[in-house]
All heavy atoms as atom14 arrays in JSON, in Angstrom:
{
  "sequence": "SEMLGNTLVTKQTGPAGKQVNRLYIEDGADIARELY",
  "atom14_mask": [
    [1, 1, 1, 1, 1, 1, 0, 0, 0, 0, 0, 0, 0, 0],
    [1, 1, 1, 1, 1, 1, 1, 1, 1, 0, 0, 0, 0, 0],
    [1, 1, 1, 1, 1, 1, 1, 1, 0, 0, 0, 0, 0, 0],
    [1, 1, 1, 1, 1, 1, 1, 1, 0, 0, 0, 0, 0, 0],
    [1, 1, 1, 1, 0, 0, 0, 0, 0, 0, 0, 0, 0, 0],
    [1, 1, 1, 1, 1, 1, 1, 1, 0, 0, 0, 0, 0, 0],
    [1, 1, 1, 1, 1, 1, 1, 0, 0, 0, 0, 0, 0, 0],
    [1, 1, 1, 1, 1, 1, 1, 1, 0, 0, 0, 0, 0, 0],
    [1, 1, 1, 1, 1, 1, 1, 0, 0, 0, 0, 0, 0, 0],
    [1, 1, 1, 1, 1, 1, 1, 0, 0, 0, 0, 0, 0, 0],
    [1, 1, 1, 1, 1, 1, 1, 1, 1, 0, 0, 0, 0, 0],
    [1, 1, 1, 1, 1, 1, 1, 1, 1, 0, 0, 0, 0, 0],
    [1, 1, 1, 1, 1, 1, 1, 0, 0, 0, 0, 0, 0, 0],
    [1, 1, 1, 1, 0, 0, 0, 0, 0, 0, 0, 0, 0, 0],
    [1, 1, 1, 1, 1, 1, 1, 0, 0, 0, 0, 0, 0, 0],
    [1, 1, 1, 1, 1, 0, 0, 0, 0, 0, 0, 0, 0, 0],
    [1, 1, 1, 1, 0, 0, 0, 0, 0, 0, 0, 0, 0, 0],
    [1, 1, 1, 1, 1, 1, 1, 1, 1, 0, 0, 0, 0, 0],
    [1, 1, 1, 1, 1, 1, 1, 1, 1, 0, 0, 0, 0, 0],
    [1, 1, 1, 1, 1, 1, 1, 0, 0, 0, 0, 0, 0, 0],
    [1, 1, 1, 1, 1, 1, 1, 1, 0, 0, 0, 0, 0, 0],
    [1, 1, 1, 1, 1, 1, 1, 1, 1, 1, 1, 0, 0, 0],
    [1, 1, 1, 1, 1, 1, 1, 1, 0, 0, 0, 0, 0, 0],
    [1, 1, 1, 1, 1, 1, 1, 1, 1, 1, 1, 1, 0, 0],
    [1, 1, 1, 1, 1, 1, 1, 1, 0, 0, 0, 0, 0, 0],
    [1, 1, 1, 1, 1, 1, 1, 1, 1, 0, 0, 0, 0, 0],
    [1, 1, 1, 1, 1, 1, 1, 1, 0, 0, 0, 0, 0, 0],
    [1, 1, 1, 1, 0, 0, 0, 0, 0, 0, 0, 0, 0, 0],
    [1, 1, 1, 1, 1, 0, 0, 0, 0, 0, 0, 0, 0, 0],
    [1, 1, 1, 1, 1, 1, 1, 1, 0, 0, 0, 0, 0, 0],
    [1, 1, 1, 1, 1, 1, 1, 1, 0, 0, 0, 0, 0, 0],
    [1, 1, 1, 1, 1, 0, 0, 0, 0, 0, 0, 0, 0, 0],
    [1, 1, 1, 1, 1, 1, 1, 1, 1, 1, 1, 0, 0, 0],
    [1, 1, 1, 1, 1, 1, 1, 1, 1, 0, 0, 0, 0, 0],
    [1, 1, 1, 1, 1, 1, 1, 1, 0, 0, 0, 0, 0, 0],
    [1, 1, 1, 1, 1, 1, 1, 1, 1, 1, 1, 1, 0, 0]
  ],
  "atom14_positions": [
    [[-67.48, -136.05, 137.58], [-68.19, -134.77, 137.53], [-69.08, -134.61, 138.76], [-69.29, -133.48, 139.24], [-69.02, -134.69, 136.25], [-68.21, -134.78, 135.11], [0.0, 0.0, 0.0], [0.0, 0.0, 0.0], [0.0, 0.0, 0.0], [0.0, 0.0, 0.0], [0.0, 0.0, 0.0], [0.0, 0.0, 0.0], [0.0, 0.0, 0.0], [0.0, 0.0, 0.0]],
    [[-69.63, -135.71, 139.24], [-70.55, -135.66, 140.38], [-69.8, -135.47, 141.7], [-70.3, -134.85, 142.61], [-71.33, -136.99, 140.44], [-72.53, -136.97, 141.33], [-73.33, -138.27, 141.21], [-72.9, -139.26, 141.84], [-74.35, -138.29, 140.51], [0.0, 0.0, 0.0], [0.0, 0.0, 0.0], [0.0, 0.0, 0.0], [0.0, 0.0, 0.0], [0.0, 0.0, 0.0]],
    [[-68.57, -135.98, 141.79], [-67.83, -136.0, 143.07], [-66.98, -134.76, 143.27], [-66.93, -134.21, 144.38], [-66.98, -137.27, 143.13], [-67.81, -138.56, 143.12], [-66.84, -140.03, 142.66], [-65.88, -140.28, 144.13], [0.0, 0.0, 0.0], [0.0, 0.0, 0.0], [0.0, 0.0, 0.0], [0.0, 0.0, 0.0], [0.0, 0.0, 0.0], [0.0, 0.0, 0.0]],
    [[-66.28, -134.32, 142.24], [-65.36, -133.19, 142.38], [-66.11, -131.91, 142.77], [-67.12, -131.56, 142.17], [-64.58, -132.96, 141.1], [-63.3, -133.76, 140.9], [-62.76, -133.6, 139.51], [-62.24, -133.4, 141.94], [0.0, 0.0, 0.0], [0.0, 0.0, 0.0], [0.0, 0.0, 0.0], [0.0, 0.0, 0.0], [0.0, 0.0, 0.0], [0.0, 0.0, 0.0]],
    [[-65.61, -131.25, 143.79], [-66.19, -129.99, 144.23], [-67.27, -130.14, 145.27], [-67.67, -129.15, 145.91], [0.0, 0.0, 0.0], [0.0, 0.0, 0.0], [0.0, 0.0, 0.0], [0.0, 0.0, 0.0], [0.0, 0.0, 0.0], [0.0, 0.0, 0.0], [0.0, 0.0, 0.0], [0.0, 0.0, 0.0], [0.0, 0.0, 0.0], [0.0, 0.0, 0.0]],
    [[-67.76, -131.37, 145.47], [-68.79, -131.59, 146.48], [-68.19, -131.98, 147.82], [-67.0, -132.3, 147.93], [-69.79, -132.64, 146.01], [-70.79, -132.07, 145.02], [-71.06, -130.87, 145.04], [-71.33, -132.91, 144.14], [0.0, 0.0, 0.0], [0.0, 0.0, 0.0], [0.0, 0.0, 0.0], [0.0, 0.0, 0.0], [0.0, 0.0, 0.0], [0.0, 0.0, 0.0]],
    [[-69.03, -131.97, 148.87], [-68.54, -132.15, 150.24], [-68.86, -133.57, 150.71], [-70.01, -133.96, 150.8], [-69.25, -131.14, 151.19], [-69.1, -129.82, 150.66], [-68.63, -131.22, 152.58], [0.0, 0.0, 0.0], [0.0, 0.0, 0.0], [0.0, 0.0, 0.0], [0.0, 0.0, 0.0], [0.0, 0.0, 0.0], [0.0, 0.0, 0.0], [0.0, 0.0, 0.0]],
    [[-67.79, -134.31, 151.03], [-67.92, -135.68, 151.49], [-67.93, -135.73, 153.01], [-66.99, -135.22, 153.65], [-66.78, -136.54, 150.93], [-66.81, -138.03, 151.25], [-68.06, -138.69, 150.68], [-65.55, -138.73, 150.71], [0.0, 0.0, 0.0], [0.0, 0.0, 0.0], [0.0, 0.0, 0.0], [0.0, 0.0, 0.0], [0.0, 0.0, 0.0], [0.0, 0.0, 0.0]],
    [[-68.94, -136.36, 153.57], [-69.06, -136.48, 155.01], [-68.82, -137.95, 155.4], [-69.5, -138.84, 154.91], [-70.46, -136.05, 155.52], [-70.57, -136.22, 157.03], [-70.74, -134.61, 155.13], [0.0, 0.0, 0.0], [0.0, 0.0, 0.0], [0.0, 0.0, 0.0], [0.0, 0.0, 0.0], [0.0, 0.0, 0.0], [0.0, 0.0, 0.0], [0.0, 0.0, 0.0]],
    [[-67.84, -138.18, 156.27], [-67.54, -139.53, 156.75], [-67.52, -139.52, 158.28], [-67.65, -138.46, 158.89], [-66.16, -140.03, 156.23], [-65.12, -139.4, 157.0], [-65.98, -139.72, 154.75], [0.0, 0.0, 0.0], [0.0, 0.0, 0.0], [0.0, 0.0, 0.0], [0.0, 0.0, 0.0], [0.0, 0.0, 0.0], [0.0, 0.0, 0.0], [0.0, 0.0, 0.0]],
    [[-67.32, -140.68, 158.87], [-67.23, -140.76, 160.32], [-66.08, -139.91, 160.88], [-66.14, -139.42, 161.98], [-67.04, -142.21, 160.75], [-68.3, -143.07, 160.68], [-68.03, -144.45, 161.24], [-69.29, -145.31, 161.22], [-69.04, -146.66, 161.76], [0.0, 0.0, 0.0], [0.0, 0.0, 0.0], [0.0, 0.0, 0.0], [0.0, 0.0, 0.0], [0.0, 0.0, 0.0]],
    [[-65.05, -139.75, 160.07], [-63.85, -139.05, 160.54], [-63.87, -137.55, 160.23], [-63.11, -136.8, 160.85], [-62.59, -139.69, 159.96], [-62.32, -141.1, 160.48], [-60.99, -141.66, 160.03], [-60.12, -140.93, 159.53], [-60.79, -142.96, 160.18], [0.0, 0.0, 0.0], [0.0, 0.0, 0.0], [0.0, 0.0, 0.0], [0.0, 0.0, 0.0], [0.0, 0.0, 0.0]],
    [[-64.7, -137.11, 159.3], [-64.72, -135.7, 158.97], [-65.6, -134.89, 159.91], [-65.45, -133.67, 160.04], [-65.25, -135.42, 157.54], [-66.64, -135.86, 157.49], [-64.44, -136.17, 156.52], [0.0, 0.0, 0.0], [0.0, 0.0, 0.0], [0.0, 0.0, 0.0], [0.0, 0.0, 0.0], [0.0, 0.0, 0.0], [0.0, 0.0, 0.0], [0.0, 0.0, 0.0]],
    [[-66.56, -135.56, 160.57], [-67.58, -134.83, 161.33], [-68.65, -134.34, 160.37], [-68.51, -134.5, 159.14], [0.0, 0.0, 0.0], [0.0, 0.0, 0.0], [0.0, 0.0, 0.0], [0.0, 0.0, 0.0], [0.0, 0.0, 0.0], [0.0, 0.0, 0.0], [0.0, 0.0, 0.0], [0.0, 0.0, 0.0], [0.0, 0.0, 0.0], [0.0, 0.0, 0.0]],
    [[-69.69, -133.74, 160.87], [-70.82, -133.32, 160.03], [-70.47, -132.27, 158.99], [-71.16, -132.14, 157.98], [-71.85, -132.79, 161.04], [-71.07, -132.49, 162.29], [-69.96, -133.47, 162.31], [0.0, 0.0, 0.0], [0.0, 0.0, 0.0], [0.0, 0.0, 0.0], [0.0, 0.0, 0.0], [0.0, 0.0, 0.0], [0.0, 0.0, 0.0], [0.0, 0.0, 0.0]],
    [[-69.41, -131.51, 159.23], [-69.04, -130.45, 158.27], [-68.52, -131.06, 156.97], [-68.68, -130.49, 155.89], [-67.97, -129.54, 158.88], [0.0, 0.0, 0.0], [0.0, 0.0, 0.0], [0.0, 0.0, 0.0], [0.0, 0.0, 0.0], [0.0, 0.0, 0.0], [0.0, 0.0, 0.0], [0.0, 0.0, 0.0], [0.0, 0.0, 0.0], [0.0, 0.0, 0.0]],
    [[-67.88, -132.25, 157.04], [-67.34, -132.89, 155.85], [-66.12, -132.2, 155.3], [-65.63, -131.2, 155.87], [0.0, 0.0, 0.0], [0.0, 0.0, 0.0], [0.0, 0.0, 0.0], [0.0, 0.0, 0.0], [0.0, 0.0, 0.0], [0.0, 0.0, 0.0], [0.0, 0.0, 0.0], [0.0, 0.0, 0.0], [0.0, 0.0, 0.0], [0.0, 0.0, 0.0]],
    [[-65.64, -132.7, 154.17], [-64.49, -132.11, 153.47], [-64.8, -132.03, 152.0], [-65.32, -132.98, 151.4], [-63.23, -132.94, 153.7], [-62.55, -132.73, 155.04], [-61.28, -133.56, 155.13], [-60.48, -133.27, 156.41], [-59.83, -131.96, 156.36], [0.0, 0.0, 0.0], [0.0, 0.0, 0.0], [0.0, 0.0, 0.0], [0.0, 0.0, 0.0], [0.0, 0.0, 0.0]],
    [[-64.46, -130.9, 151.39], [-64.65, -130.73, 149.97], [-63.66, -131.63, 149.21], [-62.46, -131.65, 149.53], [-64.5, -129.29, 149.55], [-64.83, -129.04, 148.07], [-64.73, -127.59, 147.68], [-63.67, -126.96, 147.79], [-65.81, -127.01, 147.22], [0.0, 0.0, 0.0], [0.0, 0.0, 0.0], [0.0, 0.0, 0.0], [0.0, 0.0, 0.0], [0.0, 0.0, 0.0]],
    [[-64.14, -132.31, 148.18], [-63.3, -133.17, 147.37], [-62.72, -132.35, 146.22], [-63.45, -131.97, 145.29], [-64.1, -134.39, 146.82], [-63.22, -135.22, 145.9], [-64.61, -135.25, 147.99], [0.0, 0.0, 0.0], [0.0, 0.0, 0.0], [0.0, 0.0, 0.0], [0.0, 0.0, 0.0], [0.0, 0.0, 0.0], [0.0, 0.0, 0.0], [0.0, 0.0, 0.0]],
    [[-61.44, -132.08, 146.29], [-60.78, -131.29, 145.25], [-59.89, -132.16, 144.35], [-59.4, -131.66, 143.32], [-59.88, -130.22, 145.91], [-60.71, -129.25, 146.74], [-61.74, -128.79, 146.3], [-60.25, -128.96, 147.95], [0.0, 0.0, 0.0], [0.0, 0.0, 0.0], [0.0, 0.0, 0.0], [0.0, 0.0, 0.0], [0.0, 0.0, 0.0], [0.0, 0.0, 0.0]],
    [[-59.71, -133.43, 144.73], [-58.87, -134.32, 143.94], [-59.51, -135.7, 143.91], [-60.13, -136.13, 144.89], [-57.48, -134.45, 144.53], [-56.79, -133.14, 144.82], [-55.39, -133.37, 145.35], [-54.8, -132.12, 145.86], [-53.5, -131.91, 146.04], [-52.64, -132.87, 145.78], [-53.04, -130.74, 146.48], [0.0, 0.0, 0.0], [0.0, 0.0, 0.0], [0.0, 0.0, 0.0]],
    [[-59.39, -136.38, 142.77], [-59.82, -137.78, 142.66], [-58.65, -138.62, 142.2], [-57.7, -138.13, 141.57], [-60.96, -137.9, 141.64], [-62.29, -137.23, 141.95], [-63.23, -137.39, 140.75], [-62.94, -137.82, 143.19], [0.0, 0.0, 0.0], [0.0, 0.0, 0.0], [0.0, 0.0, 0.0], [0.0, 0.0, 0.0], [0.0, 0.0, 0.0], [0.0, 0.0, 0.0]],
    [[-58.72, -139.89, 142.52], [-57.72, -140.84, 142.02], [-58.47, -141.88, 141.2], [-59.31, -142.61, 141.72], [-57.0, -141.5, 143.2], [-55.75, -142.3, 142.82], [-54.85, -141.79, 141.89], [-55.5, -143.54, 143.39], [-53.71, -142.5, 141.56], [-54.36, -144.25, 143.05], [-53.47, -143.73, 142.13], [-52.33, -144.43, 141.81], [0.0, 0.0, 0.0], [0.0, 0.0, 0.0]],
    [[-58.18, -141.89, 139.9], [-58.78, -142.88, 138.99], [-57.82, -144.06, 138.95], [-56.69, -143.95, 138.46], [-59.0, -142.31, 137.57], [-59.65, -140.92, 137.63], [-59.82, -143.29, 136.76], [-61.01, -140.89, 138.3], [0.0, 0.0, 0.0], [0.0, 0.0, 0.0], [0.0, 0.0, 0.0], [0.0, 0.0, 0.0], [0.0, 0.0, 0.0], [0.0, 0.0, 0.0]],
    [[-58.29, -145.2, 139.43], [-57.41, -146.36, 139.62], [-57.91, -147.58, 138.86], [-59.13, -147.79, 138.73], [-57.29, -146.68, 141.11], [-56.22, -147.71, 141.46], [-56.06, -147.86, 142.96], [-57.05, -148.28, 143.62], [-54.97, -147.53, 143.48], [0.0, 0.0, 0.0], [0.0, 0.0, 0.0], [0.0, 0.0, 0.0], [0.0, 0.0, 0.0], [0.0, 0.0, 0.0]],
    [[-56.98, -148.37, 138.4], [-57.32, -149.61, 137.74], [-57.94, -150.59, 138.73], [-57.5, -150.68, 139.88], [-56.05, -150.23, 137.13], [-56.35, -151.32, 136.11], [-57.41, -151.23, 135.49], [-55.53, -152.23, 135.95], [0.0, 0.0, 0.0], [0.0, 0.0, 0.0], [0.0, 0.0, 0.0], [0.0, 0.0, 0.0], [0.0, 0.0, 0.0], [0.0, 0.0, 0.0]],
    [[-58.99, -151.28, 138.31], [-59.65, -152.22, 139.2], [-58.77, -153.44, 139.49], [-57.77, -153.67, 138.82], [0.0, 0.0, 0.0], [0.0, 0.0, 0.0], [0.0, 0.0, 0.0], [0.0, 0.0, 0.0], [0.0, 0.0, 0.0], [0.0, 0.0, 0.0], [0.0, 0.0, 0.0], [0.0, 0.0, 0.0], [0.0, 0.0, 0.0], [0.0, 0.0, 0.0]],
    [[-59.13, -154.18, 140.54], [-58.34, -155.34, 140.95], [-59.26, -156.54, 141.18], [-60.39, -156.4, 141.63], [-57.57, -155.02, 142.23], [0.0, 0.0, 0.0], [0.0, 0.0, 0.0], [0.0, 0.0, 0.0], [0.0, 0.0, 0.0], [0.0, 0.0, 0.0], [0.0, 0.0, 0.0], [0.0, 0.0, 0.0], [0.0, 0.0, 0.0], [0.0, 0.0, 0.0]],
    [[-58.74, -157.71, 140.87], [-59.44, -158.97, 141.1], [-59.11, -159.42, 142.52], [-58.06, -160.0, 142.79], [-59.01, -160.01, 140.08], [-59.65, -161.36, 140.31], [-60.68, -161.42, 141.0], [-59.1, -162.38, 139.8], [0.0, 0.0, 0.0], [0.0, 0.0, 0.0], [0.0, 0.0, 0.0], [0.0, 0.0, 0.0], [0.0, 0.0, 0.0], [0.0, 0.0, 0.0]],
    [[-60.0, -159.15, 143.47], [-59.72, -159.35, 144.89], [-60.24, -160.72, 145.37], [-61.43, -161.02, 145.22], [-60.37, -158.24, 145.74], [-59.84, -156.88, 145.3], [-60.1, -158.46, 147.22], [-60.58, -155.7, 145.91], [0.0, 0.0, 0.0], [0.0, 0.0, 0.0], [0.0, 0.0, 0.0], [0.0, 0.0, 0.0], [0.0, 0.0, 0.0], [0.0, 0.0, 0.0]],
    [[-59.34, -161.49, 145.97], [-59.74, -162.77, 146.55], [-59.93, -162.65, 148.05], [-60.89, -163.22, 148.62], [-58.68, -163.85, 146.25], [0.0, 0.0, 0.0], [0.0, 0.0, 0.0], [0.0, 0.0, 0.0], [0.0, 0.0, 0.0], [0.0, 0.0, 0.0], [0.0, 0.0, 0.0], [0.0, 0.0, 0.0], [0.0, 0.0, 0.0], [0.0, 0.0, 0.0]],
    [[-59.05, -161.91, 148.74], [-59.15, -161.71, 150.19], [-58.74, -160.28, 150.54], [-57.84, -159.71, 149.89], [-58.24, -162.68, 150.96], [-58.61, -164.14, 150.9], [-57.52, -164.97, 151.6], [-57.38, -164.61, 153.01], [-56.25, -164.76, 153.7], [-55.17, -165.22, 153.1], [-56.21, -164.42, 154.97], [0.0, 0.0, 0.0], [0.0, 0.0, 0.0], [0.0, 0.0, 0.0]],
    [[-59.39, -159.73, 151.55], [-59.03, -158.39, 152.05], [-58.42, -158.52, 153.45], [-59.05, -159.11, 154.34], [-60.24, -157.46, 152.1], [-60.77, -157.09, 150.74], [-61.82, -155.99, 150.8], [-62.26, -155.63, 151.92], [-62.18, -155.46, 149.75], [0.0, 0.0, 0.0], [0.0, 0.0, 0.0], [0.0, 0.0, 0.0], [0.0, 0.0, 0.0], [0.0, 0.0, 0.0]],
    [[-57.23, -157.96, 153.6], [-56.5, -158.03, 154.87], [-56.26, -156.61, 155.39], [-56.46, -155.63, 154.67], [-55.16, -158.74, 154.69], [-55.2, -160.08, 153.92], [-53.78, -160.54, 153.62], [-55.95, -161.12, 154.72], [0.0, 0.0, 0.0], [0.0, 0.0, 0.0], [0.0, 0.0, 0.0], [0.0, 0.0, 0.0], [0.0, 0.0, 0.0], [0.0, 0.0, 0.0]],
    [[-55.83, -156.54, 156.64], [-55.5, -155.22, 157.22], [-54.05, -155.24, 157.71], [-53.59, -156.22, 158.29], [-56.41, -154.93, 158.42], [-56.05, -153.64, 159.14], [-56.56, -152.43, 158.72], [-55.15, -153.65, 160.23], [-56.22, -151.25, 159.35], [-54.8, -152.46, 160.86], [-55.33, -151.26, 160.42], [-54.97, -150.11, 161.03], [0.0, 0.0, 0.0], [0.0, 0.0, 0.0]]
  ]
}
């Protein structure tokens, strides 16, 4: 409820940001290592 419809500003969006119109509700994960 807090996120949908609001404007998210990141390093890649610039100061204008982007409105969040969709969310992805995902199952959590037991993370041991993060790779790229």
